[in-house]
Amino acid sequence: NLPTTRALISRLKADEALRQFCGWASVEAIPHESKFSRVFD
């Protein structure tokens, strides 16, 4: 129930288990917000 993509990215950076569920091994591997927007479209 995260309201924005920025909130999602912040949660991914802070929550290692969630990040691993998504498939990113490190914080650096998380894409930039602009990529989230392009892929959402």
PDB file of all heavy atoms in Angstrom:
ATOM      1  N   ASN A   1       0.824  -1.211   0.000  1.00  0.00           N
ATOM      2  CA  ASN A   1       0.000   0.000   0.000  1.00  0.00           C
ATOM      3  C   ASN A   1       0.860   1.265   0.000  1.00  0.00           C
ATOM      4  O   ASN A   1       0.618   2.197   0.770  1.00  0.00           O
ATOM      5  CB  ASN A   1      -0.972  -0.016   1.181  1.00  0.00           C
ATOM      6  CG  ASN A   1      -2.119   0.943   0.991  1.00  0.00           C
ATOM      7  OD1 ASN A   1      -2.464   1.281  -0.139  1.00  0.00           O
ATOM      8  ND2 ASN A   1      -2.701   1.391   2.091  1.00  0.00           N
ATOM      9  N   LEU A   2       1.865   1.275  -0.871  1.00  0.00           N
ATOM     10  CA  LEU A   2       2.751   2.432  -0.981  1.00  0.00           C
ATOM     11  C   LEU A   2       2.151   3.414  -1.976  1.00  0.00           C
ATOM     12  O   LEU A   2       1.768   3.022  -3.084  1.00  0.00           O
ATOM     13  CB  LEU A   2       4.148   1.995  -1.421  1.00  0.00           C
ATOM     14  CG  LEU A   2       4.859   1.045  -0.459  1.00  0.00           C
ATOM     15  CD1 LEU A   2       6.138   0.518  -1.071  1.00  0.00           C
ATOM     16  CD2 LEU A   2       5.155   1.747   0.855  1.00  0.00           C
ATOM     17  N   PRO A   3       2.079   4.701  -1.618  1.00  0.00           N
ATOM     18  CA  PRO A   3       1.367   5.661  -2.467  1.00  0.00           C
ATOM     19  C   PRO A   3       2.120   6.084  -3.729  1.00  0.00           C
ATOM     20  O   PRO A   3       1.494   6.433  -4.722  1.00  0.00           O
ATOM     21  CB  PRO A   3       1.152   6.863  -1.543  1.00  0.00           C
ATOM     22  CG  PRO A   3       2.261   6.760  -0.541  1.00  0.00           C
ATOM     23  CD  PRO A   3       2.530   5.300  -0.366  1.00  0.00           C
ATOM     24  N   THR A   4       3.452   6.067  -3.705  1.00  0.00           N
ATOM     25  CA  THR A   4       4.213   6.572  -4.846  1.00  0.00           C
ATOM     26  C   THR A   4       5.354   5.624  -5.194  1.00  0.00           C
ATOM     27  O   THR A   4       5.761   4.792  -4.387  1.00  0.00           O
ATOM     28  CB  THR A   4       4.820   7.955  -4.537  1.00  0.00           C
ATOM     29  OG1 THR A   4       5.765   7.813  -3.465  1.00  0.00           O
ATOM     30  CG2 THR A   4       3.751   8.978  -4.172  1.00  0.00           C
ATOM     31  N   THR A   5       5.884   5.826  -6.385  1.00  0.00           N
ATOM     32  CA  THR A   5       7.049   5.049  -6.806  1.00  0.00           C
ATOM     33  C   THR A   5       8.257   5.426  -5.963  1.00  0.00           C
ATOM     34  O   THR A   5       9.089   4.569  -5.649  1.00  0.00           O
ATOM     35  CB  THR A   5       7.317   5.280  -8.306  1.00  0.00           C
ATOM     36  OG1 THR A   5       6.149   4.875  -9.037  1.00  0.00           O
ATOM     37  CG2 THR A   5       8.499   4.471  -8.787  1.00  0.00           C
ATOM     38  N   ARG A   6       8.359   6.688  -5.588  1.00  0.00           N
ATOM     39  CA  ARG A   6       9.468   7.103  -4.712  1.00  0.00           C
ATOM     40  C   ARG A   6       9.414   6.363  -3.378  1.00  0.00           C
ATOM     41  O   ARG A   6      10.447   5.945  -2.852  1.00  0.00           O
ATOM     42  CB  ARG A   6       9.427   8.610  -4.472  1.00  0.00           C
ATOM     43  CG  ARG A   6       9.928   9.398  -5.638  1.00  0.00           C
ATOM     44  CD  ARG A   6      10.089  10.860  -5.302  1.00  0.00           C
ATOM     45  NE  ARG A   6      10.550  11.537  -6.495  1.00  0.00           N
ATOM     46  CZ  ARG A   6      10.128  12.716  -6.893  1.00  0.00           C
ATOM     47  NH1 ARG A   6       9.239  13.377  -6.168  1.00  0.00           N
ATOM     48  NH2 ARG A   6      10.601  13.255  -7.997  1.00  0.00           N
ATOM     49  N   ALA A   7       8.223   6.191  -2.838  1.00  0.00           N
ATOM     50  CA  ALA A   7       8.083   5.444  -1.585  1.00  0.00           C
ATOM     51  C   ALA A   7       8.490   3.988  -1.790  1.00  0.00           C
ATOM     52  O   ALA A   7       9.122   3.385  -0.921  1.00  0.00           O
ATOM     53  CB  ALA A   7       6.651   5.531  -1.073  1.00  0.00           C
ATOM     54  N   LEU A   8       8.150   3.426  -2.938  1.00  0.00           N
ATOM     55  CA  LEU A   8       8.549   2.060  -3.259  1.00  0.00           C
ATOM     56  C   LEU A   8      10.071   1.947  -3.324  1.00  0.00           C
ATOM     57  O   LEU A   8      10.662   1.030  -2.748  1.00  0.00           O
ATOM     58  CB  LEU A   8       7.932   1.629  -4.592  1.00  0.00           C
ATOM     59  CG  LEU A   8       8.417   0.297  -5.170  1.00  0.00           C
ATOM     60  CD1 LEU A   8       8.066  -0.862  -4.248  1.00  0.00           C
ATOM     61  CD2 LEU A   8       7.828   0.085  -6.555  1.00  0.00           C
ATOM     62  N   ILE A   9      10.706   2.881  -4.007  1.00  0.00           N
ATOM     63  CA  ILE A   9      12.167   2.847  -4.138  1.00  0.00           C
ATOM     64  C   ILE A   9      12.823   2.996  -2.772  1.00  0.00           C
ATOM     65  O   ILE A   9      13.785   2.284  -2.457  1.00  0.00           O
ATOM     66  CB  ILE A   9      12.650   3.922  -5.135  1.00  0.00           C
ATOM     67  CG1 ILE A   9      12.161   3.571  -6.547  1.00  0.00           C
ATOM     68  CG2 ILE A   9      14.164   4.062  -5.107  1.00  0.00           C
ATOM     69  CD1 ILE A   9      12.354   4.666  -7.571  1.00  0.00           C
ATOM     70  N   SER A  10      12.310   3.887  -1.932  1.00  0.00           N
ATOM     71  CA  SER A  10      12.859   4.050  -0.575  1.00  0.00           C
ATOM     72  C   SER A  10      12.720   2.755   0.214  1.00  0.00           C
ATOM     73  O   SER A  10      13.650   2.347   0.924  1.00  0.00           O
ATOM     74  CB  SER A  10      12.136   5.169   0.165  1.00  0.00           C
ATOM     75  OG  SER A  10      12.372   6.399  -0.454  1.00  0.00           O
ATOM     76  N   ARG A  11      11.577   2.097   0.080  1.00  0.00           N
ATOM     77  CA  ARG A  11      11.355   0.837   0.790  1.00  0.00           C
ATOM     78  C   ARG A  11      12.298  -0.248   0.277  1.00  0.00           C
ATOM     79  O   ARG A  11      12.845  -1.029   1.050  1.00  0.00           O
ATOM     80  CB  ARG A  11       9.891   0.411   0.635  1.00  0.00           C
ATOM     81  CG  ARG A  11       9.522  -0.875   1.308  1.00  0.00           C
ATOM     82  CD  ARG A  11       9.463  -0.719   2.832  1.00  0.00           C
ATOM     83  NE  ARG A  11       9.143  -1.963   3.475  1.00  0.00           N
ATOM     84  CZ  ARG A  11       7.934  -2.296   3.914  1.00  0.00           C
ATOM     85  NH1 ARG A  11       6.923  -1.456   3.811  1.00  0.00           N
ATOM     86  NH2 ARG A  11       7.740  -3.466   4.473  1.00  0.00           N
ATOM     87  N   LEU A  12      12.512  -0.289  -1.040  1.00  0.00           N
ATOM     88  CA  LEU A  12      13.431  -1.263  -1.622  1.00  0.00           C
ATOM     89  C   LEU A  12      14.861  -1.048  -1.118  1.00  0.00           C
ATOM     90  O   LEU A  12      15.593  -2.005  -0.886  1.00  0.00           O
ATOM     91  CB  LEU A  12      13.406  -1.185  -3.153  1.00  0.00           C
ATOM     92  CG  LEU A  12      12.186  -1.785  -3.832  1.00  0.00           C
ATOM     93  CD1 LEU A  12      12.116  -1.345  -5.286  1.00  0.00           C
ATOM     94  CD2 LEU A  12      12.188  -3.292  -3.720  1.00  0.00           C
ATOM     95  N   LYS A  13      15.242   0.196  -0.956  1.00  0.00           N
ATOM     96  CA  LYS A  13      16.592   0.498  -0.469  1.00  0.00           C
ATOM     97  C   LYS A  13      16.762   0.093   0.995  1.00  0.00           C
ATOM     98  O   LYS A  13      17.848  -0.304   1.410  1.00  0.00           O
ATOM     99  CB  LYS A  13      16.898   1.978  -0.649  1.00  0.00           C
ATOM    100  CG  LYS A  13      17.106   2.354  -2.107  1.00  0.00           C
ATOM    101  CD  LYS A  13      17.390   3.832  -2.273  1.00  0.00           C
ATOM    102  CE  LYS A  13      17.636   4.152  -3.742  1.00  0.00           C
ATOM    103  NZ  LYS A  13      17.861   5.578  -3.978  1.00  0.00           N
ATOM    104  N   ALA A  14      15.683   0.169   1.766  1.00  0.00           N
ATOM    105  CA  ALA A  14      15.767  -0.114   3.204  1.00  0.00           C
ATOM    106  C   ALA A  14      15.487  -1.580   3.548  1.00  0.00           C
ATOM    107  O   ALA A  14      15.973  -2.082   4.555  1.00  0.00           O
ATOM    108  CB  ALA A  14      14.788   0.781   3.960  1.00  0.00           C
ATOM    109  N   ASP A  15      14.716  -2.272   2.735  1.00  0.00           N
ATOM    110  CA  ASP A  15      14.249  -3.618   3.055  1.00  0.00           C
ATOM    111  C   ASP A  15      14.961  -4.646   2.176  1.00  0.00           C
ATOM    112  O   ASP A  15      14.594  -4.864   1.017  1.00  0.00           O
ATOM    113  CB  ASP A  15      12.736  -3.677   2.849  1.00  0.00           C
ATOM    114  CG  ASP A  15      12.103  -4.961   3.342  1.00  0.00           C
ATOM    115  OD1 ASP A  15      12.824  -5.954   3.543  1.00  0.00           O
ATOM    116  OD2 ASP A  15      10.867  -4.965   3.510  1.00  0.00           O
ATOM    117  N   GLU A  16      15.965  -5.312   2.746  1.00  0.00           N
ATOM    118  CA  GLU A  16      16.758  -6.265   1.969  1.00  0.00           C
ATOM    119  C   GLU A  16      15.937  -7.451   1.485  1.00  0.00           C
ATOM    120  O   GLU A  16      16.086  -7.905   0.347  1.00  0.00           O
ATOM    121  CB  GLU A  16      17.939  -6.769   2.804  1.00  0.00           C
ATOM    122  CG  GLU A  16      18.845  -7.693   2.032  1.00  0.00           C
ATOM    123  CD  GLU A  16      20.039  -8.170   2.844  1.00  0.00           C
ATOM    124  OE1 GLU A  16      20.187  -7.755   4.007  1.00  0.00           O
ATOM    125  OE2 GLU A  16      20.806  -8.968   2.298  1.00  0.00           O
ATOM    126  N   ALA A  17      15.035  -7.961   2.319  1.00  0.00           N
ATOM    127  CA  ALA A  17      14.212  -9.109   1.918  1.00  0.00           C
ATOM    128  C   ALA A  17      13.334  -8.751   0.721  1.00  0.00           C
ATOM    129  O   ALA A  17      13.244  -9.519  -0.244  1.00  0.00           O
ATOM    130  CB  ALA A  17      13.362  -9.584   3.088  1.00  0.00           C
ATOM    131  N   LEU A  18      12.713  -7.587   0.752  1.00  0.00           N
ATOM    132  CA  LEU A  18      11.872  -7.146  -0.362  1.00  0.00           C
ATOM    133  C   LEU A  18      12.708  -6.987  -1.626  1.00  0.00           C
ATOM    134  O   LEU A  18      12.301  -7.400  -2.707  1.00  0.00           O
ATOM    135  CB  LEU A  18      11.164  -5.835  -0.011  1.00  0.00           C
ATOM    136  CG  LEU A  18      10.303  -5.225  -1.111  1.00  0.00           C
ATOM    137  CD1 LEU A  18       9.179  -6.175  -1.504  1.00  0.00           C
ATOM    138  CD2 LEU A  18       9.758  -3.881  -0.671  1.00  0.00           C
ATOM    139  N   ARG A  19      13.873  -6.386  -1.480  1.00  0.00           N
ATOM    140  CA  ARG A  19      14.773  -6.179  -2.617  1.00  0.00           C
ATOM    141  C   ARG A  19      15.147  -7.535  -3.236  1.00  0.00           C
ATOM    142  O   ARG A  19      15.142  -7.693  -4.451  1.00  0.00           O
ATOM    143  CB  ARG A  19      16.010  -5.409  -2.163  1.00  0.00           C
ATOM    144  CG  ARG A  19      16.902  -4.955  -3.265  1.00  0.00           C
ATOM    145  CD  ARG A  19      17.998  -4.017  -2.809  1.00  0.00           C
ATOM    146  NE  ARG A  19      18.819  -4.558  -1.739  1.00  0.00           N
ATOM    147  CZ  ARG A  19      18.844  -4.087  -0.486  1.00  0.00           C
ATOM    148  NH1 ARG A  19      18.101  -3.054  -0.150  1.00  0.00           N
ATOM    149  NH2 ARG A  19      19.630  -4.633   0.420  1.00  0.00           N
ATOM    150  N   GLN A  20      15.429  -8.533  -2.408  1.00  0.00           N
ATOM    151  CA  GLN A  20      15.779  -9.857  -2.916  1.00  0.00           C
ATOM    152  C   GLN A  20      14.576 -10.528  -3.587  1.00  0.00           C
ATOM    153  O   GLN A  20      14.734 -11.205  -4.608  1.00  0.00           O
ATOM    154  CB  GLN A  20      16.307 -10.739  -1.784  1.00  0.00           C
ATOM    155  CG  GLN A  20      17.684 -10.349  -1.326  1.00  0.00           C
ATOM    156  CD  GLN A  20      18.177 -11.230  -0.185  1.00  0.00           C
ATOM    157  OE1 GLN A  20      17.418 -12.032   0.360  1.00  0.00           O
ATOM    158  NE2 GLN A  20      19.434 -11.068   0.170  1.00  0.00           N
ATOM    159  N   PHE A  21      13.382 -10.330  -3.036  1.00  0.00           N
ATOM    160  CA  PHE A  21      12.178 -10.870  -3.665  1.00  0.00           C
ATOM    161  C   PHE A  21      12.029 -10.324  -5.079  1.00  0.00           C
ATOM    162  O   PHE A  21      11.628 -11.036  -5.984  1.00  0.00           O
ATOM    163  CB  PHE A  21      10.928 -10.492  -2.859  1.00  0.00           C
ATOM    164  CG  PHE A  21      10.449 -11.583  -1.970  1.00  0.00           C
ATOM    165  CD1 PHE A  21      11.021 -11.773  -0.720  1.00  0.00           C
ATOM    166  CD2 PHE A  21       9.426 -12.416  -2.353  1.00  0.00           C
ATOM    167  CE1 PHE A  21      10.576 -12.772   0.111  1.00  0.00           C
ATOM    168  CE2 PHE A  21       8.973 -13.424  -1.524  1.00  0.00           C
ATOM    169  CZ  PHE A  21       9.555 -13.605  -0.288  1.00  0.00           C
ATOM    170  N   CYS A  22      12.332  -9.054  -5.240  1.00  0.00           N
ATOM    171  CA  CYS A  22      12.200  -8.427  -6.556  1.00  0.00           C
ATOM    172  C   CYS A  22      13.308  -8.861  -7.511  1.00  0.00           C
ATOM    173  O   CYS A  22      13.134  -8.806  -8.722  1.00  0.00           O
ATOM    174  CB  CYS A  22      12.184  -6.912  -6.412  1.00  0.00           C
ATOM    175  SG  CYS A  22      10.701  -6.313  -5.576  1.00  0.00           S
ATOM    176  N   GLY A  23      14.457  -9.264  -6.948  1.00  0.00           N
ATOM    177  CA  GLY A  23      15.530  -9.741  -7.813  1.00  0.00           C
ATOM    178  C   GLY A  23      16.759  -8.854  -7.852  1.00  0.00           C
ATOM    179  O   GLY A  23      17.624  -9.056  -8.703  1.00  0.00           O
ATOM    180  N   TRP A  24      16.840  -7.882  -6.978  1.00  0.00           N
ATOM    181  CA  TRP A  24      18.013  -7.012  -6.938  1.00  0.00           C
ATOM    182  C   TRP A  24      18.868  -7.384  -5.733  1.00  0.00           C
ATOM    183  O   TRP A  24      18.417  -7.346  -4.596  1.00  0.00           O
ATOM    184  CB  TRP A  24      17.598  -5.542  -6.863  1.00  0.00           C
ATOM    185  CG  TRP A  24      16.889  -5.092  -8.101  1.00  0.00           C
ATOM    186  CD1 TRP A  24      17.382  -5.098  -9.365  1.00  0.00           C
ATOM    187  CD2 TRP A  24      15.558  -4.579  -8.190  1.00  0.00           C
ATOM    188  NE1 TRP A  24      16.433  -4.624 -10.246  1.00  0.00           N
ATOM    189  CE2 TRP A  24      15.308  -4.290  -9.546  1.00  0.00           C
ATOM    190  CE3 TRP A  24      14.552  -4.338  -7.257  1.00  0.00           C
ATOM    191  CZ2 TRP A  24      14.105  -3.772  -9.996  1.00  0.00           C
ATOM    192  CZ3 TRP A  24      13.357  -3.820  -7.705  1.00  0.00           C
ATOM    193  CH2 TRP A  24      13.131  -3.536  -9.062  1.00  0.00           C
ATOM    194  N   ALA A  25      20.135  -7.704  -5.994  1.00  0.00           N
ATOM    195  CA  ALA A  25      21.036  -8.165  -4.936  1.00  0.00           C
ATOM    196  C   ALA A  25      21.548  -7.025  -4.069  1.00  0.00           C
ATOM    197  O   ALA A  25      21.869  -7.230  -2.898  1.00  0.00           O
ATOM    198  CB  ALA A  25      22.219  -8.909  -5.554  1.00  0.00           C
ATOM    199  N   SER A  26      21.610  -5.828  -4.610  1.00  0.00           N
ATOM    200  CA  SER A  26      22.165  -4.704  -3.846  1.00  0.00           C
ATOM    201  C   SER A  26      21.340  -3.449  -4.089  1.00  0.00           C
ATOM    202  O   SER A  26      20.550  -3.373  -5.037  1.00  0.00           O
ATOM    203  CB  SER A  26      23.612  -4.439  -4.263  1.00  0.00           C
ATOM    204  OG  SER A  26      23.646  -3.979  -5.607  1.00  0.00           O
ATOM    205  N   VAL A  27      21.563  -2.463  -3.254  1.00  0.00           N
ATOM    206  CA  VAL A  27      20.873  -1.176  -3.395  1.00  0.00           C
ATOM    207  C   VAL A  27      21.249  -0.533  -4.723  1.00  0.00           C
ATOM    208  O   VAL A  27      20.414   0.086  -5.389  1.00  0.00           O
ATOM    209  CB  VAL A  27      21.221  -0.240  -2.205  1.00  0.00           C
ATOM    210  CG1 VAL A  27      20.666   1.148  -2.415  1.00  0.00           C
ATOM    211  CG2 VAL A  27      20.702  -0.832  -0.907  1.00  0.00           C
ATOM    212  N   GLU A  28      22.503  -0.688  -5.136  1.00  0.00           N
ATOM    213  CA  GLU A  28      22.971  -0.090  -6.382  1.00  0.00           C
ATOM    214  C   GLU A  28      22.278  -0.679  -7.612  1.00  0.00           C
ATOM    215  O   GLU A  28      22.222  -0.039  -8.660  1.00  0.00           O
ATOM    216  CB  GLU A  28      24.494  -0.261  -6.524  1.00  0.00           C
ATOM    217  CG  GLU A  28      25.312   0.485  -5.506  1.00  0.00           C
ATOM    218  CD  GLU A  28      25.355  -0.191  -4.130  1.00  0.00           C
ATOM    219  OE1 GLU A  28      25.207  -1.440  -4.056  1.00  0.00           O
ATOM    220  OE2 GLU A  28      25.493   0.536  -3.135  1.00  0.00           O
ATOM    221  N   ALA A  29      21.780  -1.882  -7.492  1.00  0.00           N
ATOM    222  CA  ALA A  29      21.132  -2.541  -8.630  1.00  0.00           C
ATOM    223  C   ALA A  29      19.715  -2.030  -8.876  1.00  0.00           C
ATOM    224  O   ALA A  29      19.158  -2.262  -9.956  1.00  0.00           O
ATOM    225  CB  ALA A  29      21.097  -4.046  -8.407  1.00  0.00           C
ATOM    226  N   ILE A  30      19.128  -1.333  -7.906  1.00  0.00           N
ATOM    227  CA  ILE A  30      17.763  -0.811  -8.063  1.00  0.00           C
ATOM    228  C   ILE A  30      17.775   0.272  -9.134  1.00  0.00           C
ATOM    229  O   ILE A  30      18.568   1.209  -9.063  1.00  0.00           O
ATOM    230  CB  ILE A  30      17.230  -0.238  -6.731  1.00  0.00           C
ATOM    231  CG1 ILE A  30      17.188  -1.343  -5.673  1.00  0.00           C
ATOM    232  CG2 ILE A  30      15.842   0.370  -6.921  1.00  0.00           C
ATOM    233  CD1 ILE A  30      16.889  -0.828  -4.280  1.00  0.00           C
ATOM    234  N   PRO A  31      16.907   0.173 -10.137  1.00  0.00           N
ATOM    235  CA  PRO A  31      16.885   1.177 -11.208  1.00  0.00           C
ATOM    236  C   PRO A  31      16.463   2.556 -10.706  1.00  0.00           C
ATOM    237  O   PRO A  31      15.842   2.696  -9.647  1.00  0.00           O
ATOM    238  CB  PRO A  31      15.856   0.639 -12.197  1.00  0.00           C
ATOM    239  CG  PRO A  31      15.621  -0.766 -11.826  1.00  0.00           C
ATOM    240  CD  PRO A  31      15.961  -0.902 -10.379  1.00  0.00           C
ATOM    241  N   HIS A  32      16.758   3.558 -11.524  1.00  0.00           N
ATOM    242  CA  HIS A  32      16.362   4.934 -11.233  1.00  0.00           C
ATOM    243  C   HIS A  32      14.840   5.082 -11.384  1.00  0.00           C
ATOM    244  O   HIS A  32      14.192   4.314 -12.098  1.00  0.00           O
ATOM    245  CB  HIS A  32      17.083   5.884 -12.206  1.00  0.00           C
ATOM    246  CG  HIS A  32      16.905   7.322 -11.860  1.00  0.00           C
ATOM    247  ND1 HIS A  32      15.897   8.082 -12.391  1.00  0.00           N
ATOM    248  CD2 HIS A  32      17.602   8.132 -11.033  1.00  0.00           C
ATOM    249  CE1 HIS A  32      15.970   9.315 -11.911  1.00  0.00           C
ATOM    250  NE2 HIS A  32      17.002   9.378 -11.086  1.00  0.00           N
ATOM    251  N   GLU A  33      14.309   6.069 -10.722  1.00  0.00           N
ATOM    252  CA  GLU A  33      12.864   6.321 -10.764  1.00  0.00           C
ATOM    253  C   GLU A  33      12.353   6.482 -12.195  1.00  0.00           C
ATOM    254  O   GLU A  33      11.243   6.053 -12.521  1.00  0.00           O
ATOM    255  CB  GLU A  33      12.544   7.581  -9.942  1.00  0.00           C
ATOM    256  CG  GLU A  33      11.084   7.892  -9.842  1.00  0.00           C
ATOM    257  CD  GLU A  33      10.803   9.144  -9.015  1.00  0.00           C
ATOM    258  OE1 GLU A  33      11.733   9.710  -8.422  1.00  0.00           O
ATOM    259  OE2 GLU A  33       9.628   9.544  -8.974  1.00  0.00           O
ATOM    260  N   SER A  34      13.141   7.082 -13.070  1.00  0.00           N
ATOM    261  CA  SER A  34      12.703   7.285 -14.457  1.00  0.00           C
ATOM    262  C   SER A  34      12.482   5.944 -15.168  1.00  0.00           C
ATOM    263  O   SER A  34      11.578   5.814 -15.986  1.00  0.00           O
ATOM    264  CB  SER A  34      13.718   8.133 -15.226  1.00  0.00           C
ATOM    265  OG  SER A  34      14.972   7.481 -15.274  1.00  0.00           O
ATOM    266  N   LYS A  35      13.307   4.948 -14.848  1.00  0.00           N
ATOM    267  CA  LYS A  35      13.124   3.636 -15.456  1.00  0.00           C
ATOM    268  C   LYS A  35      11.837   2.987 -14.957  1.00  0.00           C
ATOM    269  O   LYS A  35      11.110   2.353 -15.729  1.00  0.00           O
ATOM    270  CB  LYS A  35      14.303   2.720 -15.166  1.00  0.00           C
ATOM    271  CG  LYS A  35      14.178   1.389 -15.884  1.00  0.00           C
ATOM    272  CD  LYS A  35      15.490   0.680 -15.971  1.00  0.00           C
ATOM    273  CE  LYS A  35      15.364  -0.487 -16.916  1.00  0.00           C
ATOM    274  NZ  LYS A  35      16.635  -1.122 -17.152  1.00  0.00           N
ATOM    275  N   PHE A  36      11.534   3.156 -13.673  1.00  0.00           N
ATOM    276  CA  PHE A  36      10.264   2.659 -13.148  1.00  0.00           C
ATOM    277  C   PHE A  36       9.100   3.270 -13.944  1.00  0.00           C
ATOM    278  O   PHE A  36       8.161   2.567 -14.314  1.00  0.00           O
ATOM    279  CB  PHE A  36      10.112   3.005 -11.664  1.00  0.00           C
ATOM    280  CG  PHE A  36      10.754   2.029 -10.725  1.00  0.00           C
ATOM    281  CD1 PHE A  36      12.078   2.183 -10.340  1.00  0.00           C
ATOM    282  CD2 PHE A  36      10.042   0.965 -10.203  1.00  0.00           C
ATOM    283  CE1 PHE A  36      12.668   1.292  -9.460  1.00  0.00           C
ATOM    284  CE2 PHE A  36      10.621   0.061  -9.320  1.00  0.00           C
ATOM    285  CZ  PHE A  36      11.947   0.224  -8.949  1.00  0.00           C
ATOM    286  N   SER A  37       9.179   4.567 -14.210  1.00  0.00           N
ATOM    287  CA  SER A  37       8.101   5.247 -14.948  1.00  0.00           C
ATOM    288  C   SER A  37       7.985   4.732 -16.373  1.00  0.00           C
ATOM    289  O   SER A  37       6.880   4.479 -16.858  1.00  0.00           O
ATOM    290  CB  SER A  37       8.344   6.761 -14.969  1.00  0.00           C
ATOM    291  OG  SER A  37       8.263   7.274 -13.673  1.00  0.00           O
ATOM    292  N   ARG A  38       9.115   4.592 -17.066  1.00  0.00           N
ATOM    293  CA  ARG A  38       9.082   4.099 -18.450  1.00  0.00           C
ATOM    294  C   ARG A  38       8.512   2.688 -18.516  1.00  0.00           C
ATOM    295  O   ARG A  38       7.687   2.379 -19.381  1.00  0.00           O
ATOM    296  CB  ARG A  38      10.489   4.116 -19.060  1.00  0.00           C
ATOM    297  CG  ARG A  38      10.976   5.481 -19.465  1.00  0.00           C
ATOM    298  CD  ARG A  38      12.215   5.389 -20.337  1.00  0.00           C
ATOM    299  NE  ARG A  38      13.277   4.548 -19.787  1.00  0.00           N
ATOM    300  CZ  ARG A  38      14.232   4.962 -18.962  1.00  0.00           C
ATOM    301  NH1 ARG A  38      14.264   6.225 -18.578  1.00  0.00           N
ATOM    302  NH2 ARG A  38      15.160   4.130 -18.533  1.00  0.00           N
ATOM    303  N   VAL A  39       8.945   1.832 -17.603  1.00  0.00           N
ATOM    304  CA  VAL A  39       8.480   0.447 -17.618  1.00  0.00           C
ATOM    305  C   VAL A  39       7.005   0.369 -17.212  1.00  0.00           C
ATOM    306  O   VAL A  39       6.249  -0.436 -17.758  1.00  0.00           O
ATOM    307  CB  VAL A  39       9.370  -0.434 -16.721  1.00  0.00           C
ATOM    308  CG1 VAL A  39       8.801  -1.825 -16.557  1.00  0.00           C
ATOM    309  CG2 VAL A  39      10.771  -0.510 -17.309  1.00  0.00           C
ATOM    310  N   PHE A  40       6.571   1.232 -16.289  1.00  0.00           N
ATOM    311  CA  PHE A  40       5.153   1.267 -15.919  1.00  0.00           C
ATOM    312  C   PHE A  40       4.307   1.600 -17.150  1.00  0.00           C
ATOM    313  O   PHE A  40       3.277   0.957 -17.390  1.00  0.00           O
ATOM    314  CB  PHE A  40       4.910   2.292 -14.807  1.00  0.00           C
ATOM    315  CG  PHE A  40       3.498   2.296 -14.309  1.00  0.00           C
ATOM    316  CD1 PHE A  40       3.091   1.392 -13.347  1.00  0.00           C
ATOM    317  CD2 PHE A  40       2.572   3.191 -14.816  1.00  0.00           C
ATOM    318  CE1 PHE A  40       1.778   1.384 -12.884  1.00  0.00           C
ATOM    319  CE2 PHE A  40       1.263   3.191 -14.364  1.00  0.00           C
ATOM    320  CZ  PHE A  40       0.866   2.287 -13.403  1.00  0.00           C
ATOM    321  N   ASP A  41       4.749   2.595 -17.940  1.00  0.00           N
ATOM    322  CA  ASP A  41       4.035   2.936 -19.176  1.00  0.00           C
ATOM    323  C   ASP A  41       4.020   1.754 -20.145  1.00  0.00           C
ATOM    324  O   ASP A  41       3.008   1.479 -20.791  1.00  0.00           O
ATOM    325  CB  ASP A  41       4.668   4.146 -19.854  1.00  0.00           C
ATOM    326  CG  ASP A  41       4.386   5.449 -19.131  1.00  0.00           C
ATOM    327  OD1 ASP A  41       3.445   5.490 -18.313  1.00  0.00           O
ATOM    328  OD2 ASP A  41       5.110   6.432 -19.382  1.00  0.00           O
TER     329      ASP A  41
END
